[in-house]
Amino acid sequence: TTFRVQLDNGHVVTAHLSGKMRKHYIRILTGDRVTVQLTPYDLSKGRITYRAR
């Protein structure tokens, strides 16, 4: 599943869950603050690595 994530600077990127988050069934809801790793090749795609409480 892919998510649309709005960064702090206002840009919107598409991101998917990292493998460990998928493995441990960590759910992402609308409005959650997350940490995103962006790919250096395509700055519009990334990976969600952490969900803030």
PDB file of N, CA and C in Angstrom:
ATOM      1  N   THR A   1       0.843  -1.189   0.000  1.00  0.00           N
ATOM      2  CA  THR A   1       0.000   0.000   0.000  1.00  0.00           C
ATOM      3  C   THR A   1       0.879   1.239   0.000  1.00  0.00           C
ATOM      4  N   THR A   2       0.435   2.247  -0.713  1.00  0.00           N
ATOM      5  CA  THR A   2       1.189   3.495  -0.768  1.00  0.00           C
ATOM      6  C   THR A   2       0.387   4.592  -0.090  1.00  0.00           C
ATOM      7  N   PHE A   3       1.099   5.551   0.446  1.00  0.00           N
ATOM      8  CA  PHE A   3       0.495   6.662   1.172  1.00  0.00           C
ATOM      9  C   PHE A   3       0.975   7.967   0.564  1.00  0.00           C
ATOM     10  N   ARG A   4       0.110   8.977   0.584  1.00  0.00           N
ATOM     11  CA  ARG A   4       0.528  10.326   0.222  1.00  0.00           C
ATOM     12  C   ARG A   4       0.935  11.022   1.503  1.00  0.00           C
ATOM     13  N   VAL A   5       2.183  11.490   1.560  1.00  0.00           N
ATOM     14  CA  VAL A   5       2.749  12.085   2.769  1.00  0.00           C
ATOM     15  C   VAL A   5       3.093  13.536   2.474  1.00  0.00           C
ATOM     16  N   GLN A   6       2.633  14.433   3.343  1.00  0.00           N
ATOM     17  CA  GLN A   6       2.993  15.842   3.206  1.00  0.00           C
ATOM     18  C   GLN A   6       4.177  16.119   4.117  1.00  0.00           C
ATOM     19  N   LEU A   7       5.263  16.617   3.524  1.00  0.00           N
ATOM     20  CA  LEU A   7       6.468  16.914   4.286  1.00  0.00           C
ATOM     21  C   LEU A   7       6.315  18.249   5.006  1.00  0.00           C
ATOM     22  N   ASP A   8       7.219  18.522   5.936  1.00  0.00           N
ATOM     23  CA  ASP A   8       7.164  19.772   6.693  1.00  0.00           C
ATOM     24  C   ASP A   8       7.340  20.991   5.800  1.00  0.00           C
ATOM     25  N   ASN A   9       8.048  20.826   4.672  1.00  0.00           N
ATOM     26  CA  ASN A   9       8.249  21.961   3.776  1.00  0.00           C
ATOM     27  C   ASN A   9       7.104  22.135   2.785  1.00  0.00           C
ATOM     28  N   GLY A  10       6.058  21.301   2.889  1.00  0.00           N
ATOM     29  CA  GLY A  10       4.880  21.457   2.050  1.00  0.00           C
ATOM     30  C   GLY A  10       4.811  20.526   0.856  1.00  0.00           C
ATOM     31  N   HIS A  11       5.912  19.881   0.497  1.00  0.00           N
ATOM     32  CA  HIS A  11       5.893  18.972  -0.643  1.00  0.00           C
ATOM     33  C   HIS A  11       5.101  17.714  -0.292  1.00  0.00           C
ATOM     34  N   VAL A  12       4.474  17.114  -1.309  1.00  0.00           N
ATOM     35  CA  VAL A  12       3.718  15.880  -1.125  1.00  0.00           C
ATOM     36  C   VAL A  12       4.426  14.779  -1.900  1.00  0.00           C
ATOM     37  N   VAL A  13       4.742  13.672  -1.224  1.00  0.00           N
ATOM     38  CA  VAL A  13       5.416  12.541  -1.855  1.00  0.00           C
ATOM     39  C   VAL A  13       4.583  11.288  -1.617  1.00  0.00           C
ATOM     40  N   THR A  14       4.814  10.263  -2.429  1.00  0.00           N
ATOM     41  CA  THR A  14       4.186   8.970  -2.197  1.00  0.00           C
ATOM     42  C   THR A  14       5.198   8.086  -1.488  1.00  0.00           C
ATOM     43  N   ALA A  15       4.735   7.351  -0.481  1.00  0.00           N
ATOM     44  CA  ALA A  15       5.643   6.519   0.308  1.00  0.00           C
ATOM     45  C   ALA A  15       4.959   5.203   0.650  1.00  0.00           C
ATOM     46  N   HIS A  16       5.765   4.158   0.756  1.00  0.00           N
ATOM     47  CA  HIS A  16       5.251   2.861   1.182  1.00  0.00           C
ATOM     48  C   HIS A  16       5.884   2.496   2.523  1.00  0.00           C
ATOM     49  N   LEU A  17       5.288   1.503   3.192  1.00  0.00           N
ATOM     50  CA  LEU A  17       5.784   1.090   4.505  1.00  0.00           C
ATOM     51  C   LEU A  17       7.075   0.293   4.366  1.00  0.00           C
ATOM     52  N   SER A  18       7.968   0.456   5.325  1.00  0.00           N
ATOM     53  CA  SER A  18       9.185  -0.349   5.339  1.00  0.00           C
ATOM     54  C   SER A  18       8.835  -1.788   5.728  1.00  0.00           C
ATOM     55  N   GLY A  19       9.761  -2.682   5.481  1.00  0.00           N
ATOM     56  CA  GLY A  19       9.516  -4.101   5.714  1.00  0.00           C
ATOM     57  C   GLY A  19       9.229  -4.440   7.162  1.00  0.00           C
ATOM     58  N   LYS A  20       9.960  -3.832   8.103  1.00  0.00           N
ATOM     59  CA  LYS A  20       9.742  -4.148   9.517  1.00  0.00           C
ATOM     60  C   LYS A  20       8.398  -3.623   9.996  1.00  0.00           C
ATOM     61  N   MET A  21       7.966  -2.466   9.470  1.00  0.00           N
ATOM     62  CA  MET A  21       6.660  -1.948   9.871  1.00  0.00           C
ATOM     63  C   MET A  21       5.558  -2.855   9.330  1.00  0.00           C
ATOM     64  N   ARG A  22       5.750  -3.379   8.124  1.00  0.00           N
ATOM     65  CA  ARG A  22       4.768  -4.292   7.552  1.00  0.00           C
ATOM     66  C   ARG A  22       4.756  -5.603   8.327  1.00  0.00           C
ATOM     67  N   LYS A  23       5.938  -6.071   8.723  1.00  0.00           N
ATOM     68  CA  LYS A  23       6.059  -7.343   9.440  1.00  0.00           C
ATOM     69  C   LYS A  23       5.375  -7.289  10.799  1.00  0.00           C
ATOM     70  N   HIS A  24       5.481  -6.149  11.487  1.00  0.00           N
ATOM     71  CA  HIS A  24       4.906  -6.019  12.824  1.00  0.00           C
ATOM     72  C   HIS A  24       3.512  -5.411  12.810  1.00  0.00           C
ATOM     73  N   TYR A  25       2.891  -5.320  11.622  1.00  0.00           N
ATOM     74  CA  TYR A  25       1.502  -4.863  11.467  1.00  0.00           C
ATOM     75  C   TYR A  25       1.272  -3.489  12.086  1.00  0.00           C
ATOM     76  N   ILE A  26       2.209  -2.560  11.861  1.00  0.00           N
ATOM     77  CA  ILE A  26       2.032  -1.201  12.367  1.00  0.00           C
ATOM     78  C   ILE A  26       1.127  -0.457  11.397  1.00  0.00           C
ATOM     79  N   ARG A  27       0.020   0.058  11.912  1.00  0.00           N
ATOM     80  CA  ARG A  27      -0.974   0.711  11.074  1.00  0.00           C
ATOM     81  C   ARG A  27      -0.715   2.204  11.012  1.00  0.00           C
ATOM     82  N   ILE A  28      -0.946   2.792   9.847  1.00  0.00           N
ATOM     83  CA  ILE A  28      -0.808   4.230   9.634  1.00  0.00           C
ATOM     84  C   ILE A  28      -2.195   4.788   9.353  1.00  0.00           C
ATOM     85  N   LEU A  29      -2.581   5.828  10.092  1.00  0.00           N
ATOM     86  CA  LEU A  29      -3.873   6.474   9.891  1.00  0.00           C
ATOM     87  C   LEU A  29      -3.662   7.893   9.389  1.00  0.00           C
ATOM     88  N   THR A  30      -4.713   8.476   8.843  1.00  0.00           N
ATOM     89  CA  THR A  30      -4.651   9.857   8.375  1.00  0.00           C
ATOM     90  C   THR A  30      -4.334  10.780   9.541  1.00  0.00           C
ATOM     91  N   GLY A  31      -3.349  11.644   9.359  1.00  0.00           N
ATOM     92  CA  GLY A  31      -2.961  12.580  10.404  1.00  0.00           C
ATOM     93  C   GLY A  31      -1.781  12.135  11.243  1.00  0.00           C
ATOM     94  N   ASP A  32      -1.322  10.896  11.077  1.00  0.00           N
ATOM     95  CA  ASP A  32      -0.160  10.428  11.841  1.00  0.00           C
ATOM     96  C   ASP A  32       1.104  11.131  11.364  1.00  0.00           C
ATOM     97  N   ARG A  33       1.976  11.478  12.318  1.00  0.00           N
ATOM     98  CA  ARG A  33       3.290  12.022  11.950  1.00  0.00           C
ATOM     99  C   ARG A  33       4.233  10.845  11.739  1.00  0.00           C
ATOM    100  N   VAL A  34       4.919  10.829  10.613  1.00  0.00           N
ATOM    101  CA  VAL A  34       5.792   9.715  10.268  1.00  0.00           C
ATOM    102  C   VAL A  34       7.161  10.247   9.863  1.00  0.00           C
ATOM    103  N   THR A  35       8.144   9.357   9.889  1.00  0.00           N
ATOM    104  CA  THR A  35       9.479   9.652   9.382  1.00  0.00           C
ATOM    105  C   THR A  35       9.616   8.978   8.024  1.00  0.00           C
ATOM    106  N   VAL A  36      10.065   9.740   7.028  1.00  0.00           N
ATOM    107  CA  VAL A  36      10.140   9.237   5.653  1.00  0.00           C
ATOM    108  C   VAL A  36      11.580   9.314   5.171  1.00  0.00           C
ATOM    109  N   GLN A  37      12.051   8.226   4.557  1.00  0.00           N
ATOM    110  CA  GLN A  37      13.335   8.239   3.860  1.00  0.00           C
ATOM    111  C   GLN A  37      13.044   8.451   2.387  1.00  0.00           C
ATOM    112  N   LEU A  38      13.647   9.479   1.789  1.00  0.00           N
ATOM    113  CA  LEU A  38      13.453   9.740   0.369  1.00  0.00           C
ATOM    114  C   LEU A  38      14.558   9.070  -0.436  1.00  0.00           C
ATOM    115  N   THR A  39      14.212   8.618  -1.649  1.00  0.00           N
ATOM    116  CA  THR A  39      15.230   8.042  -2.514  1.00  0.00           C
ATOM    117  C   THR A  39      16.007   9.168  -3.178  1.00  0.00           C
ATOM    118  N   PRO A  40      17.313   9.029  -3.324  1.00  0.00           N
ATOM    119  CA  PRO A  40      18.082  10.094  -3.980  1.00  0.00           C
ATOM    120  C   PRO A  40      17.819  10.174  -5.478  1.00  0.00           C
ATOM    121  N   TYR A  41      17.223   9.136  -6.069  1.00  0.00           N
ATOM    122  CA  TYR A  41      17.013   9.106  -7.512  1.00  0.00           C
ATOM    123  C   TYR A  41      15.704   9.770  -7.905  1.00  0.00           C
ATOM    124  N   ASP A  42      14.654   9.583  -7.093  1.00  0.00           N
ATOM    125  CA  ASP A  42      13.347  10.157  -7.404  1.00  0.00           C
ATOM    126  C   ASP A  42      12.812  10.771  -6.112  1.00  0.00           C
ATOM    127  N   LEU A  43      12.854  12.098  -6.011  1.00  0.00           N
ATOM    128  CA  LEU A  43      12.486  12.761  -4.760  1.00  0.00           C
ATOM    129  C   LEU A  43      10.986  12.795  -4.519  1.00  0.00           C
ATOM    130  N   SER A  44      10.189  12.164  -5.384  1.00  0.00           N
ATOM    131  CA  SER A  44       8.751  12.107  -5.153  1.00  0.00           C
ATOM    132  C   SER A  44       8.339  10.765  -4.554  1.00  0.00           C
ATOM    133  N   LYS A  45       9.300   9.878  -4.282  1.00  0.00           N
ATOM    134  CA  LYS A  45       9.001   8.570  -3.699  1.00  0.00           C
ATOM    135  C   LYS A  45       9.822   8.381  -2.438  1.00  0.00           C
ATOM    136  N   GLY A  46       9.259   7.625  -1.494  1.00  0.00           N
ATOM    137  CA  GLY A  46       9.984   7.397  -0.254  1.00  0.00           C
ATOM    138  C   GLY A  46       9.478   6.170   0.480  1.00  0.00           C
ATOM    139  N   ARG A  47      10.049   5.953   1.663  1.00  0.00           N
ATOM    140  CA  ARG A  47       9.713   4.808   2.503  1.00  0.00           C
ATOM    141  C   ARG A  47       9.429   5.314   3.908  1.00  0.00           C
ATOM    142  N   ILE A  48       8.298   4.892   4.476  1.00  0.00           N
ATOM    143  CA  ILE A  48       7.936   5.274   5.841  1.00  0.00           C
ATOM    144  C   ILE A  48       8.665   4.330   6.793  1.00  0.00           C
ATOM    145  N   THR A  49       9.502   4.905   7.673  1.00  0.00           N
ATOM    146  CA  THR A  49      10.303   4.068   8.567  1.00  0.00           C
ATOM    147  C   THR A  49       9.883   4.178  10.026  1.00  0.00           C
ATOM    148  N   TYR A  50       9.055   5.162  10.386  1.00  0.00           N
ATOM    149  CA  TYR A  50       8.696   5.345  11.792  1.00  0.00           C
ATOM    150  C   TYR A  50       7.378   6.097  11.873  1.00  0.00           C
ATOM    151  N   ARG A  51       6.530   5.695  12.813  1.00  0.00           N
ATOM    152  CA  ARG A  51       5.292   6.422  13.092  1.00  0.00           C
ATOM    153  C   ARG A  51       5.400   7.009  14.486  1.00  0.00           C
ATOM    154  N   ALA A  52       5.271   8.333  14.604  1.00  0.00           N
ATOM    155  CA  ALA A  52       5.344   8.987  15.910  1.00  0.00           C
ATOM    156  C   ALA A  52       4.085   8.678  16.705  1.00  0.00           C
ATOM    157  N   ARG A  53       4.201   8.641  18.011  1.00  0.00           N
ATOM    158  CA  ARG A  53       3.056   8.305  18.860  1.00  0.00           C
ATOM    159  C   ARG A  53       2.047   9.425  18.905  1.00  0.00           C
TER     160      ARG A  53
END
